[in-house]
Amino acid sequence: MISILINERYPLTGKPYPKRLIFKVVGYSSSTWYENPTPKTGKRGRKPKHSDEEVLQEIKKEIKKSKFNSEGYIKVKNRMAKRKINALVAGKARVNRIMRENSLLSPYRRPGKTNKREHDGTIITDAPNVMWATDGKKFWIEGSGWHWFFGVIDHFNDEIISWHIAKKGNRFAAMQPVRAAVRKTFGTIDKNVCTGMKLQLRSDHGSQYDSADFMNEMKYLGLEMSKAFVRSPQCNGIIERFHRTLEEQVLQVETFTSFEEAYNSIDQFIKDYNTDWIFHRLNYCSPVEYREKYAESLRKEKDNIPSGNKDPEVQLVLISSGSMPRRNERAEQEIIKGETTISNNPLEILRYNISPSDQLVRYKSNKKD
């Protein structure tokens, strides 16, 4: 009754009746009305460009065509936005809600209560080829037993530089990916090739990495070792986190029946990982994409360096103080000193970039002379 009267309008003025008058006529308390108002339909604000059903269909398409398993809603959201064709932009809260309502979220593991040693440092570098990490991981092949995976990863962008699998995970198998990474990065594995590169190799205290053969090989290459703290896997957390990703995406999903099958599967995953696996700390870029953006930024910085024998900082100070004239100012000073004579040639006037008023004054002075 009240909701009907609220929508009515007074015929003479065309305005709605006051609510206080309606409550008085009906005999209804205003406090009771405002305590339980009529619920509003819809949501305030701008309507989204795509409906929930359209977003849901795009989420399902993205999950279906993804090369990886159990990706979270943030990665799905960014993959849809980064499409070159039919990109879809949606808020992460909305994508999370839609995936949750349709049971599309990846399983969440609640961390158990353990007494971990706190790691307060940082192992991420600001440039590539400053710190690499290496470690080994065991996996099973049906009919052949346990095998070993060894990899080398760059702490800058989490890119797998090289890797190796072997039946025996000894010190010689652990050397293979390191030698391959040095050859791939520097073009050779000659003696002291890494000397002076400020490159360090992070490893734990496994028997392979503490062996005399492995340490002598690193000395031969000139590669400085950076050992992790004992019982502190966080110090080697970059390669440890990759092992978890490899376990979740390949080793726990597929069953290998031969060495070749395991090699091909791991090889394909690492290629996809380097080119398509996106990281939050890399601004949702893949390792290869982030490295290419870093190289492009270096090229832009190199192109923006001012010419001259002085450093850019010195040139900026001299220009700001007026001690070092700019190119146009230098030409103008030469003209004033009489070293260069202004002509009536428009091309010459444009070349020195002189204002029209100065052109007129100097033209008259040259004419008198």
Protein backbone atom coordinates (compact mmCIF):
# COMPACT_ATOMS: atom_id res chain seq x y z
CA MET A 1 0.00 0.00 0.00
CA ILE A 2 2.71 2.50 1.03
CA SER A 3 4.91 1.64 -1.94
CA ILE A 4 1.96 2.36 -4.28
CA LEU A 5 1.20 5.72 -2.67
CA ILE A 6 4.85 6.77 -2.79
CA ASN A 7 4.80 6.47 -6.57
CA GLU A 8 1.60 8.55 -6.87
CA ARG A 9 1.84 12.26 -7.72
CA TYR A 10 -0.30 15.23 -6.71
CA PRO A 11 -2.35 16.31 -9.80
CA LEU A 12 -1.93 20.07 -9.30
CA THR A 13 1.84 20.19 -8.78
CA GLY A 14 2.95 16.93 -10.33
CA LYS A 15 5.15 16.21 -7.32
CA PRO A 16 4.97 13.05 -5.18
CA TYR A 17 3.13 13.10 -1.86
CA PRO A 18 5.31 13.61 1.25
CA LYS A 19 6.17 10.32 2.92
CA ARG A 20 5.32 11.76 6.33
CA LEU A 21 1.77 12.49 5.12
CA ILE A 22 1.45 9.00 3.65
CA PHE A 23 2.57 7.38 6.92
CA LYS A 24 0.08 9.52 8.87
CA VAL A 25 -2.85 8.59 6.59
CA VAL A 26 -2.00 4.90 6.53
CA GLY A 27 -1.16 4.79 10.23
CA TYR A 28 2.32 3.41 9.72
CA SER A 29 5.42 4.30 11.71
CA SER A 30 8.22 5.92 9.73
CA SER A 31 10.85 4.17 11.86
CA THR A 32 9.37 0.79 10.98
CA TRP A 33 9.38 1.68 7.30
CA TYR A 34 12.99 2.81 7.22
CA GLU A 35 14.11 -0.19 9.23
CA ASN A 36 12.86 -2.57 6.52
CA PRO A 37 12.73 -0.56 3.28
CA THR A 38 11.74 -2.00 -0.05
CA PRO A 39 14.82 -3.78 -1.49
CA LYS A 40 16.31 -2.11 -4.55
CA THR A 41 16.75 -4.17 -7.66
CA GLY A 42 20.02 -4.19 -9.60
CA LYS A 43 23.44 -2.82 -8.74
CA ARG A 44 24.51 0.79 -8.54
CA GLY A 45 27.08 2.21 -10.92
CA ARG A 46 27.93 1.62 -14.55
CA LYS A 47 26.77 -1.58 -16.17
CA PRO A 48 29.62 -3.85 -17.27
CA LYS A 49 30.33 -4.20 -20.98
CA HIS A 50 30.07 -7.99 -20.80
CA SER A 51 27.50 -9.98 -18.86
CA ASP A 52 28.45 -12.65 -16.33
CA GLU A 53 27.45 -15.35 -18.77
CA GLU A 54 29.75 -13.94 -21.46
CA VAL A 55 32.63 -13.69 -18.99
CA LEU A 56 31.98 -17.25 -17.85
CA GLN A 57 32.16 -18.57 -21.40
CA GLU A 58 35.43 -16.73 -22.02
CA ILE A 59 36.86 -18.09 -18.75
CA LYS A 60 36.00 -21.63 -19.81
CA LYS A 61 37.62 -21.07 -23.21
CA GLU A 62 40.77 -19.70 -21.57
CA ILE A 63 40.99 -22.64 -19.16
CA LYS A 64 40.41 -25.14 -21.97
CA LYS A 65 43.11 -23.75 -24.28
CA SER A 66 45.67 -23.11 -21.52
CA LYS A 67 48.88 -25.11 -21.67
CA PHE A 68 49.00 -25.41 -17.88
CA ASN A 69 46.89 -26.98 -15.15
CA SER A 70 45.07 -25.42 -12.18
CA GLU A 71 45.82 -21.77 -12.90
CA GLY A 72 44.31 -19.24 -10.49
CA TYR A 73 41.76 -16.55 -11.29
CA ILE A 74 44.38 -13.77 -11.52
CA LYS A 75 46.28 -15.57 -14.28
CA VAL A 76 43.04 -16.32 -16.11
CA LYS A 77 42.01 -12.67 -15.84
CA ASN A 78 45.34 -11.42 -17.20
CA ARG A 79 45.44 -13.97 -20.02
CA MET A 80 42.02 -12.81 -21.23
CA ALA A 81 43.15 -9.17 -21.11
CA LYS A 82 46.42 -9.87 -22.98
CA ARG A 83 44.77 -11.52 -25.96
CA LYS A 84 45.71 -9.98 -29.28
CA ILE A 85 42.25 -10.86 -30.66
CA ASN A 86 38.97 -10.66 -28.70
CA ALA A 87 40.59 -9.36 -25.53
CA LEU A 88 38.24 -9.23 -22.56
CA VAL A 89 38.84 -6.95 -19.60
CA ALA A 90 37.13 -7.83 -16.32
CA GLY A 91 37.89 -7.04 -12.69
CA LYS A 92 39.76 -9.66 -10.69
CA ALA A 93 37.05 -9.67 -7.99
CA ARG A 94 34.42 -10.36 -10.63
CA VAL A 95 36.46 -13.14 -12.25
CA ASN A 96 37.05 -14.65 -8.81
CA ARG A 97 33.32 -14.56 -8.00
CA ILE A 98 32.27 -16.11 -11.32
CA MET A 99 34.88 -18.86 -11.09
CA ARG A 100 33.95 -19.57 -7.47
CA GLU A 101 30.22 -19.80 -8.26
CA ASN A 102 30.95 -22.27 -11.06
CA SER A 103 33.58 -24.34 -9.18
CA LEU A 104 36.39 -23.34 -11.54
CA LEU A 105 38.94 -22.18 -8.97
CA SER A 106 42.13 -24.19 -8.57
CA PRO A 107 42.44 -26.28 -5.39
CA TYR A 108 43.94 -24.43 -2.43
CA ARG A 109 46.43 -26.07 -0.11
CA ARG A 110 46.31 -24.84 3.46
CA PRO A 111 49.88 -24.60 4.74
CA GLY A 112 50.63 -26.83 7.70
CA LYS A 113 52.09 -25.52 10.93
CA THR A 114 55.84 -26.05 10.80
CA ASN A 115 58.79 -24.47 12.52
CA LYS A 116 60.53 -22.80 9.60
CA ARG A 117 63.68 -20.79 9.78
CA GLU A 118 62.92 -17.19 8.84
CA HIS A 119 64.59 -15.88 5.69
CA ASP A 120 64.85 -12.08 5.79
CA GLY A 121 67.07 -11.52 2.73
CA THR A 122 66.29 -11.22 -0.96
CA ILE A 123 67.51 -13.45 -3.78
CA ILE A 124 65.97 -11.58 -6.72
CA THR A 125 68.40 -9.67 -8.94
CA ASP A 126 67.88 -6.47 -10.95
CA ALA A 127 69.61 -7.71 -14.09
CA PRO A 128 70.04 -11.05 -15.91
CA ASN A 129 73.12 -13.24 -15.49
CA VAL A 130 73.90 -11.98 -12.00
CA MET A 131 72.84 -15.07 -10.07
CA TRP A 132 71.87 -18.50 -11.33
CA ALA A 133 70.56 -21.38 -9.27
CA THR A 134 70.78 -25.11 -9.74
CA ASP A 135 69.34 -28.12 -7.96
CA GLY A 136 68.16 -31.67 -8.61
CA LYS A 137 64.79 -33.40 -8.36
CA LYS A 138 63.83 -37.08 -8.59
CA PHE A 139 60.95 -38.41 -10.68
CA TRP A 140 59.66 -41.90 -11.56
CA ILE A 141 59.58 -43.74 -14.90
CA GLU A 142 57.58 -46.96 -15.09
CA GLY A 143 59.85 -49.95 -15.67
CA SER A 144 63.04 -47.93 -15.17
CA GLY A 145 62.73 -46.59 -11.65
CA TRP A 146 63.89 -43.24 -10.30
CA HIS A 147 65.52 -40.62 -12.52
CA TRP A 148 66.93 -37.17 -11.88
CA PHE A 149 66.13 -33.73 -13.26
CA PHE A 150 68.79 -31.00 -13.00
CA GLY A 151 68.16 -27.43 -14.08
CA VAL A 152 69.73 -23.96 -14.08
CA ILE A 153 67.45 -20.96 -13.56
CA ASP A 154 68.11 -17.21 -13.65
CA HIS A 155 67.09 -15.34 -10.49
CA PHE A 156 66.26 -12.25 -12.57
CA ASN A 157 63.24 -13.58 -14.47
CA ASP A 158 62.87 -17.25 -13.39
CA GLU A 159 63.86 -18.45 -16.86
CA ILE A 160 65.16 -21.99 -17.23
CA ILE A 161 68.45 -21.55 -19.09
CA SER A 162 69.31 -25.24 -19.42
CA TRP A 163 68.34 -28.62 -17.98
CA HIS A 164 69.35 -32.27 -18.01
CA ILE A 165 67.79 -35.59 -16.98
CA ALA A 166 69.73 -38.73 -16.12
CA LYS A 167 69.31 -42.15 -14.54
CA LYS A 168 72.06 -41.49 -12.01
CA GLY A 169 71.95 -38.16 -10.24
CA ASN A 170 75.66 -37.91 -9.51
CA ARG A 171 78.07 -34.96 -9.65
CA PHE A 172 78.71 -35.41 -13.38
CA ALA A 173 74.99 -35.24 -14.17
CA ALA A 174 74.74 -32.07 -12.05
CA MET A 175 77.54 -30.46 -14.09
CA GLN A 176 75.77 -30.90 -17.44
CA PRO A 177 73.13 -28.14 -17.17
CA VAL A 178 75.68 -25.69 -15.73
CA ARG A 179 78.10 -26.25 -18.60
CA ALA A 180 75.21 -25.99 -21.08
CA ALA A 181 74.05 -22.70 -19.51
CA VAL A 182 77.56 -21.22 -19.72
CA ARG A 183 77.91 -22.29 -23.36
CA LYS A 184 74.46 -20.89 -24.23
CA THR A 185 75.11 -17.54 -22.52
CA PHE A 186 78.80 -16.90 -23.29
CA GLY A 187 79.29 -19.04 -26.39
CA THR A 188 82.09 -21.22 -24.98
CA ILE A 189 83.14 -23.27 -21.96
CA ASP A 190 86.81 -22.34 -22.06
CA LYS A 191 88.80 -21.79 -18.91
CA ASN A 192 87.84 -18.72 -16.84
CA VAL A 193 85.06 -17.78 -19.29
CA CYS A 194 82.94 -16.46 -16.40
CA THR A 195 85.76 -14.57 -14.68
CA GLY A 196 84.91 -10.89 -14.26
CA MET A 197 81.23 -11.41 -15.15
CA LYS A 198 79.97 -10.90 -11.56
CA LEU A 199 77.98 -14.10 -12.02
CA GLN A 200 77.29 -16.41 -9.08
CA LEU A 201 75.82 -19.89 -8.96
CA ARG A 202 73.49 -20.66 -6.03
CA SER A 203 73.22 -24.26 -4.84
CA ASP A 204 72.50 -26.17 -1.66
CA HIS A 205 74.88 -28.52 0.17
CA GLY A 206 73.89 -31.67 -1.70
CA SER A 207 76.57 -34.29 -2.21
CA GLN A 208 76.71 -33.50 -5.94
CA TYR A 209 77.44 -29.80 -5.37
CA ASP A 210 79.87 -30.21 -2.47
CA SER A 211 81.95 -32.77 -4.35
CA ALA A 212 85.51 -31.94 -5.38
CA ASP A 213 84.80 -32.66 -9.06
CA PHE A 214 81.92 -30.20 -9.21
CA MET A 215 83.78 -27.46 -7.32
CA ASN A 216 86.88 -27.90 -9.50
CA GLU A 217 84.75 -27.61 -12.63
CA MET A 218 83.25 -24.34 -11.37
CA LYS A 219 86.75 -23.01 -10.65
CA TYR A 220 87.83 -23.98 -14.16
CA LEU A 221 84.92 -22.00 -15.63
CA GLY A 222 85.58 -19.07 -13.29
CA LEU A 223 82.03 -19.35 -11.91
CA GLU A 224 81.76 -18.20 -8.30
CA MET A 225 79.69 -20.41 -5.99
CA SER A 226 77.09 -19.00 -3.60
CA LYS A 227 76.06 -21.71 -1.16
CA ALA A 228 72.66 -21.61 0.54
CA PHE A 229 72.42 -21.75 4.32
CA VAL A 230 72.16 -25.20 5.83
CA ARG A 231 68.53 -26.26 6.41
CA SER A 232 67.29 -23.08 4.74
CA PRO A 233 65.67 -23.96 1.39
CA GLN A 234 64.42 -20.36 1.06
CA CYS A 235 67.95 -19.34 0.06
CA ASN A 236 67.52 -21.49 -3.05
CA GLY A 237 63.83 -20.70 -3.35
CA ILE A 238 63.79 -19.76 -7.05
CA ILE A 239 64.72 -23.22 -8.31
CA GLU A 240 62.75 -24.88 -5.49
CA ARG A 241 59.61 -23.04 -6.60
CA PHE A 242 60.17 -24.16 -10.17
CA HIS A 243 60.44 -27.75 -8.99
CA ARG A 244 57.03 -27.40 -7.35
CA THR A 245 55.59 -26.04 -10.62
CA LEU A 246 57.19 -28.90 -12.56
CA GLU A 247 55.76 -31.37 -10.06
CA GLU A 248 52.23 -29.96 -10.29
CA GLN A 249 52.14 -29.48 -14.07
CA VAL A 250 54.00 -32.56 -15.32
CA LEU A 251 55.34 -35.09 -12.85
CA GLN A 252 52.09 -35.55 -10.88
CA VAL A 253 49.88 -35.45 -13.96
CA GLU A 254 51.63 -37.70 -16.46
CA THR A 255 52.87 -41.27 -16.18
CA PHE A 256 56.09 -41.98 -18.06
CA THR A 257 56.85 -45.40 -19.51
CA SER A 258 60.17 -44.57 -21.18
CA PHE A 259 63.08 -42.15 -20.95
CA GLU A 260 62.21 -40.58 -24.33
CA GLU A 261 58.62 -39.96 -23.27
CA ALA A 262 59.74 -38.20 -20.09
CA TYR A 263 62.32 -36.15 -22.00
CA ASN A 264 59.82 -34.96 -24.62
CA SER A 265 57.18 -34.08 -22.03
CA ILE A 266 59.58 -32.08 -19.84
CA ASP A 267 61.12 -30.42 -22.88
CA GLN A 268 57.72 -29.20 -24.12
CA PHE A 269 56.72 -27.96 -20.68
CA ILE A 270 59.92 -25.94 -20.21
CA LYS A 271 59.47 -24.31 -23.62
CA ASP A 272 55.90 -23.36 -22.70
CA TYR A 273 57.02 -22.27 -19.24
CA ASN A 274 59.66 -19.86 -20.55
CA THR A 275 57.36 -18.31 -23.14
CA ASP A 276 53.85 -18.46 -21.59
CA TRP A 277 54.00 -18.96 -17.82
CA ILE A 278 53.16 -15.57 -16.26
CA PHE A 279 54.46 -14.27 -12.93
CA HIS A 280 52.94 -11.69 -10.63
CA ARG A 281 56.35 -10.23 -9.70
CA LEU A 282 57.19 -9.85 -13.43
CA ASN A 283 54.11 -7.65 -14.01
CA TYR A 284 52.24 -10.66 -15.37
CA CYS A 285 54.85 -11.35 -18.05
CA SER A 286 56.49 -14.62 -18.99
CA PRO A 287 60.25 -15.02 -18.36
CA VAL A 288 61.15 -14.51 -22.03
CA GLU A 289 58.76 -11.56 -22.39
CA TYR A 290 60.19 -9.88 -19.29
CA ARG A 291 63.77 -10.36 -20.50
CA GLU A 292 62.91 -8.85 -23.89
CA LYS A 293 61.26 -5.84 -22.23
CA TYR A 294 64.36 -5.35 -20.10
CA ALA A 295 66.60 -5.43 -23.19
CA GLU A 296 64.30 -2.97 -24.95
CA SER A 297 64.48 -0.57 -21.98
CA LEU A 298 68.29 -0.71 -22.10
CA ARG A 299 68.24 0.12 -25.81
CA LYS A 300 65.95 3.10 -25.21
CA GLU A 301 68.18 4.39 -22.43
CA LYS A 302 71.21 4.07 -24.71
CA ASP A 303 69.46 5.97 -27.51
CA ASN A 304 68.47 8.80 -25.14
CA ILE A 305 72.04 9.52 -23.98
CA PRO A 306 73.03 13.05 -25.15
CA SER A 307 75.92 13.35 -27.59
CA GLY A 308 79.22 14.95 -26.59
CA ASN A 309 82.29 14.08 -24.60
CA LYS A 310 80.76 14.97 -21.24
CA ASP A 311 78.64 12.63 -19.15
CA PRO A 312 74.84 13.14 -19.28
CA GLU A 313 74.77 14.36 -15.66
CA VAL A 314 77.51 16.92 -16.35
CA GLN A 315 75.75 18.15 -19.49
CA LEU A 316 72.48 18.58 -17.59
CA VAL A 317 74.20 20.68 -14.90
CA LEU A 318 76.01 22.84 -17.47
CA ILE A 319 72.88 23.44 -19.52
CA SER A 320 70.82 24.29 -16.42
CA SER A 321 73.43 26.75 -15.18
CA GLY A 322 73.87 28.39 -18.58
CA SER A 323 77.55 27.47 -18.83
CA MET A 324 76.97 25.12 -21.73
CA PRO A 325 74.77 26.66 -24.49
CA ARG A 326 72.34 24.55 -26.44
CA ARG A 327 72.80 23.97 -30.16
CA ASN A 328 70.54 26.87 -31.25
CA GLU A 329 72.01 29.19 -28.61
CA ARG A 330 75.54 28.38 -29.76
CA ALA A 331 74.67 29.30 -33.37
CA GLU A 332 72.99 32.49 -32.24
CA GLN A 333 76.04 33.53 -30.20
CA GLU A 334 78.25 33.02 -33.25
CA ILE A 335 75.94 35.26 -35.30
CA ILE A 336 76.01 38.04 -32.67
CA LYS A 337 79.84 37.92 -32.52
CA GLY A 338 79.98 38.42 -36.29
CA GLU A 339 81.30 34.97 -37.05
CA THR A 340 78.21 34.20 -39.15
CA THR A 341 76.25 36.64 -41.26
CA ILE A 342 72.48 36.36 -41.56
CA SER A 343 71.22 36.23 -45.12
CA ASN A 344 67.75 36.55 -46.55
CA ASN A 345 67.70 32.86 -47.44
CA PRO A 346 64.64 31.29 -45.68
CA LEU A 347 66.42 27.95 -45.34
CA GLU A 348 69.28 29.58 -43.48
CA ILE A 349 66.85 31.44 -41.22
CA LEU A 350 65.06 28.17 -40.38
CA ARG A 351 68.40 26.46 -39.82
CA TYR A 352 69.36 28.80 -36.99
CA ASN A 353 65.82 29.00 -35.60
CA ILE A 354 65.91 32.78 -34.94
CA SER A 355 62.80 34.71 -33.96
CA PRO A 356 61.27 37.12 -36.52
CA SER A 357 62.02 40.21 -34.37
CA ASP A 358 65.72 39.31 -34.12
CA GLN A 359 65.80 38.64 -37.85
CA LEU A 360 64.51 42.17 -38.57
CA VAL A 361 66.97 43.89 -36.20
CA ARG A 362 69.97 41.98 -37.53
CA TYR A 363 68.89 42.47 -41.12
CA LYS A 364 68.82 46.27 -40.61
CA SER A 365 72.21 46.22 -38.85
CA ASN A 366 73.78 44.19 -41.64
CA LYS A 367 72.24 46.54 -44.21
CA LYS A 368 73.78 49.61 -42.53
CA ASP A 369 77.19 47.98 -42.49
